[in-house]
Amino acid sequence: MRIQKNHALLKRIAKNHPKRLAIESDQTRRLAGYKGEQAIDFHLSKLPEKEYMILHDLRLSNGNHFFQIDTLILNHTFTLILEVKNYGGTLYFDPDFNQLIQTTSKGEVKGYPNPIEQA
């Protein structure tokens, strides 16, 4: 839904609008995530339907807070949580600061929350 909203907004907002870069950045990030989830879905579609239950985009509560699971795979012998990321470049899991550091092919360095902890 947010990808569609951003797309519509970018078609209408002026090229020099002060918020345009932020919207474009958000759109790029969301599209990358969506494409990553689509790529995973292709592979998951090959699992036998009678043996696996696959649930996408779950929003659950632990009683105090809500949390989100990208994909949950249930089988009679195991449960698997997939936290899908679609990052390019070099990734470094920094144990000292408990974060993921991405270095893109353009040399840009970005920090993200630790996806292992997120999962």
C-alpha atoms as a PDB file:
ATOM      1  CA  MET A   1       0.000   0.000   0.000  1.00  0.00           C
ATOM      2  CA  ARG A   2       2.781   2.446   0.924  1.00  0.00           C
ATOM      3  CA  ILE A   3       4.574   1.732  -2.373  1.00  0.00           C
ATOM      4  CA  GLN A   4       1.407   2.634  -4.256  1.00  0.00           C
ATOM      5  CA  LYS A   5       0.932   5.795  -2.192  1.00  0.00           C
ATOM      6  CA  ASN A   6       4.532   6.885  -2.759  1.00  0.00           C
ATOM      7  CA  HIS A   7       4.192   6.187  -6.483  1.00  0.00           C
ATOM      8  CA  ALA A   8       1.062   8.350  -6.735  1.00  0.00           C
ATOM      9  CA  LEU A   9       2.649  11.107  -4.666  1.00  0.00           C
ATOM     10  CA  LEU A  10       5.846  11.172  -6.740  1.00  0.00           C
ATOM     11  CA  LYS A  11       3.781  11.599  -9.914  1.00  0.00           C
ATOM     12  CA  ARG A  12       2.148  14.714  -8.451  1.00  0.00           C
ATOM     13  CA  ILE A  13       4.792  16.393  -6.286  1.00  0.00           C
ATOM     14  CA  ALA A  14       7.074  19.063  -7.756  1.00  0.00           C
ATOM     15  CA  LYS A  15      10.642  18.026  -8.656  1.00  0.00           C
ATOM     16  CA  ASN A  16      12.045  20.698  -6.323  1.00  0.00           C
ATOM     17  CA  HIS A  17       9.722  19.983  -3.376  1.00  0.00           C
ATOM     18  CA  PRO A  18      11.747  19.754  -0.117  1.00  0.00           C
ATOM     19  CA  LYS A  19      10.194  16.371   0.785  1.00  0.00           C
ATOM     20  CA  ARG A  20      10.731  14.747  -2.625  1.00  0.00           C
ATOM     21  CA  LEU A  21      14.151  13.224  -1.828  1.00  0.00           C
ATOM     22  CA  ALA A  22      12.823  11.668   1.374  1.00  0.00           C
ATOM     23  CA  ILE A  23       9.855  10.168  -0.489  1.00  0.00           C
ATOM     24  CA  GLU A  24      12.124   8.842  -3.256  1.00  0.00           C
ATOM     25  CA  SER A  25      14.442   7.293  -0.673  1.00  0.00           C
ATOM     26  CA  ASP A  26      11.516   5.673   1.137  1.00  0.00           C
ATOM     27  CA  GLN A  27      10.176   4.362  -2.167  1.00  0.00           C
ATOM     28  CA  THR A  28      13.548   2.862  -3.156  1.00  0.00           C
ATOM     29  CA  ARG A  29      13.840   1.107   0.215  1.00  0.00           C
ATOM     30  CA  ARG A  30      10.305  -0.240   0.114  1.00  0.00           C
ATOM     31  CA  LEU A  31      10.633  -1.488  -3.469  1.00  0.00           C
ATOM     32  CA  ALA A  32      13.850  -3.315  -2.598  1.00  0.00           C
ATOM     33  CA  GLY A  33      12.113  -4.992   0.348  1.00  0.00           C
ATOM     34  CA  TYR A  34       9.107  -5.910  -1.760  1.00  0.00           C
ATOM     35  CA  LYS A  35      11.308  -7.403  -4.480  1.00  0.00           C
ATOM     36  CA  GLY A  36      13.199  -9.396  -1.842  1.00  0.00           C
ATOM     37  CA  GLU A  37       9.966 -10.821  -0.477  1.00  0.00           C
ATOM     38  CA  GLN A  38       8.769 -11.645  -4.009  1.00  0.00           C
ATOM     39  CA  ALA A  39      12.028 -13.506  -4.695  1.00  0.00           C
ATOM     40  CA  ILE A  40      11.575 -15.578  -1.523  1.00  0.00           C
ATOM     41  CA  ASP A  41       7.929 -16.259  -2.370  1.00  0.00           C
ATOM     42  CA  PHE A  42       8.977 -17.789  -5.702  1.00  0.00           C
ATOM     43  CA  HIS A  43      11.142 -20.357  -3.940  1.00  0.00           C
ATOM     44  CA  LEU A  44       8.580 -21.031  -1.212  1.00  0.00           C
ATOM     45  CA  SER A  45       5.946 -21.745  -3.865  1.00  0.00           C
ATOM     46  CA  LYS A  46       7.867 -24.926  -4.704  1.00  0.00           C
ATOM     47  CA  LEU A  47       7.224 -26.429  -1.241  1.00  0.00           C
ATOM     48  CA  PRO A  48       4.469 -29.062  -1.099  1.00  0.00           C
ATOM     49  CA  GLU A  49       1.266 -27.328   0.032  1.00  0.00           C
ATOM     50  CA  LYS A  50       0.110 -30.341   2.044  1.00  0.00           C
ATOM     51  CA  GLU A  51       3.268 -30.314   4.188  1.00  0.00           C
ATOM     52  CA  TYR A  52       3.780 -26.597   4.829  1.00  0.00           C
ATOM     53  CA  MET A  53       1.620 -23.702   5.890  1.00  0.00           C
ATOM     54  CA  ILE A  54       3.144 -20.386   4.808  1.00  0.00           C
ATOM     55  CA  LEU A  55       1.882 -17.169   6.398  1.00  0.00           C
ATOM     56  CA  HIS A  56       2.992 -13.738   5.161  1.00  0.00           C
ATOM     57  CA  ASP A  57       3.117 -10.320   6.825  1.00  0.00           C
ATOM     58  CA  LEU A  58       1.826 -11.312  10.241  1.00  0.00           C
ATOM     59  CA  ARG A  59       1.168  -8.619  12.824  1.00  0.00           C
ATOM     60  CA  LEU A  60       0.978 -10.167  16.264  1.00  0.00           C
ATOM     61  CA  SER A  61       0.865  -8.990  19.859  1.00  0.00           C
ATOM     62  CA  ASN A  62       2.732 -10.308  22.872  1.00  0.00           C
ATOM     63  CA  GLY A  63       0.155  -8.651  25.110  1.00  0.00           C
ATOM     64  CA  ASN A  64       2.034  -5.356  25.476  1.00  0.00           C
ATOM     65  CA  HIS A  65       3.471  -4.627  22.040  1.00  0.00           C
ATOM     66  CA  PHE A  66       2.816  -5.516  18.437  1.00  0.00           C
ATOM     67  CA  PHE A  67       5.464  -7.083  16.216  1.00  0.00           C
ATOM     68  CA  GLN A  68       5.635  -8.122  12.586  1.00  0.00           C
ATOM     69  CA  ILE A  69       6.864 -11.335  10.937  1.00  0.00           C
ATOM     70  CA  ASP A  70       7.638 -11.249   7.201  1.00  0.00           C
ATOM     71  CA  THR A  71       7.051 -14.962   6.633  1.00  0.00           C
ATOM     72  CA  LEU A  72       6.213 -17.804   9.011  1.00  0.00           C
ATOM     73  CA  ILE A  73       6.572 -21.386   7.773  1.00  0.00           C
ATOM     74  CA  LEU A  74       4.817 -24.094   9.768  1.00  0.00           C
ATOM     75  CA  ASN A  75       5.421 -27.813   9.410  1.00  0.00           C
ATOM     76  CA  HIS A  76       4.530 -30.671  11.722  1.00  0.00           C
ATOM     77  CA  THR A  77       8.211 -30.888  12.795  1.00  0.00           C
ATOM     78  CA  PHE A  78       9.319 -27.226  12.883  1.00  0.00           C
ATOM     79  CA  THR A  79       8.439 -23.540  12.748  1.00  0.00           C
ATOM     80  CA  LEU A  80      10.614 -21.154  10.752  1.00  0.00           C
ATOM     81  CA  ILE A  81      10.559 -17.349  10.859  1.00  0.00           C
ATOM     82  CA  LEU A  82      11.920 -15.566   7.776  1.00  0.00           C
ATOM     83  CA  GLU A  83      12.961 -11.937   8.145  1.00  0.00           C
ATOM     84  CA  VAL A  84      13.532 -10.891   4.541  1.00  0.00           C
ATOM     85  CA  LYS A  85      16.130  -8.282   3.633  1.00  0.00           C
ATOM     86  CA  ASN A  86      17.262  -7.212   0.175  1.00  0.00           C
ATOM     87  CA  TYR A  87      20.537  -5.348   0.666  1.00  0.00           C
ATOM     88  CA  GLY A  88      23.226  -4.894  -1.954  1.00  0.00           C
ATOM     89  CA  GLY A  89      26.940  -4.345  -1.431  1.00  0.00           C
ATOM     90  CA  THR A  90      29.041  -5.569   1.469  1.00  0.00           C
ATOM     91  CA  LEU A  91      27.300  -6.374   4.752  1.00  0.00           C
ATOM     92  CA  TYR A  92      29.029  -6.430   8.137  1.00  0.00           C
ATOM     93  CA  PHE A  93      27.332  -7.605  11.314  1.00  0.00           C
ATOM     94  CA  ASP A  94      28.923  -5.409  13.981  1.00  0.00           C
ATOM     95  CA  PRO A  95      28.809  -7.229  17.345  1.00  0.00           C
ATOM     96  CA  ASP A  96      30.144  -4.216  19.287  1.00  0.00           C
ATOM     97  CA  PHE A  97      27.304  -1.877  18.304  1.00  0.00           C
ATOM     98  CA  ASN A  98      24.798  -4.654  17.580  1.00  0.00           C
ATOM     99  CA  GLN A  99      23.982  -3.391  14.095  1.00  0.00           C
ATOM    100  CA  LEU A 100      24.264  -4.237  10.420  1.00  0.00           C
ATOM    101  CA  ILE A 101      26.543  -1.994   8.362  1.00  0.00           C
ATOM    102  CA  GLN A 102      26.064  -1.856   4.615  1.00  0.00           C
ATOM    103  CA  THR A 103      28.704  -0.522   2.219  1.00  0.00           C
ATOM    104  CA  THR A 104      27.169   0.001  -1.232  1.00  0.00           C
ATOM    105  CA  SER A 105      28.976  -0.313  -4.544  1.00  0.00           C
ATOM    106  CA  LYS A 106      29.092   3.523  -4.588  1.00  0.00           C
ATOM    107  CA  GLY A 107      30.966   3.522  -1.270  1.00  0.00           C
ATOM    108  CA  GLU A 108      28.022   4.760   0.799  1.00  0.00           C
ATOM    109  CA  VAL A 109      27.943   3.392   4.343  1.00  0.00           C
ATOM    110  CA  LYS A 110      24.617   2.901   6.121  1.00  0.00           C
ATOM    111  CA  GLY A 111      23.749   1.421   9.496  1.00  0.00           C
ATOM    112  CA  TYR A 112      20.643  -0.648  10.269  1.00  0.00           C
ATOM    113  CA  PRO A 113      19.263  -2.371  13.374  1.00  0.00           C
ATOM    114  CA  ASN A 114      20.542  -5.910  13.782  1.00  0.00           C
ATOM    115  CA  PRO A 115      18.187  -8.094  11.638  1.00  0.00           C
ATOM    116  CA  ILE A 116      19.123 -11.203  13.635  1.00  0.00           C
ATOM    117  CA  GLU A 117      17.812  -9.540  16.784  1.00  0.00           C
ATOM    118  CA  GLN A 118      14.797  -8.291  14.856  1.00  0.00           C
ATOM    119  CA  ALA A 119      13.912 -11.841  13.811  1.00  0.00           C
END
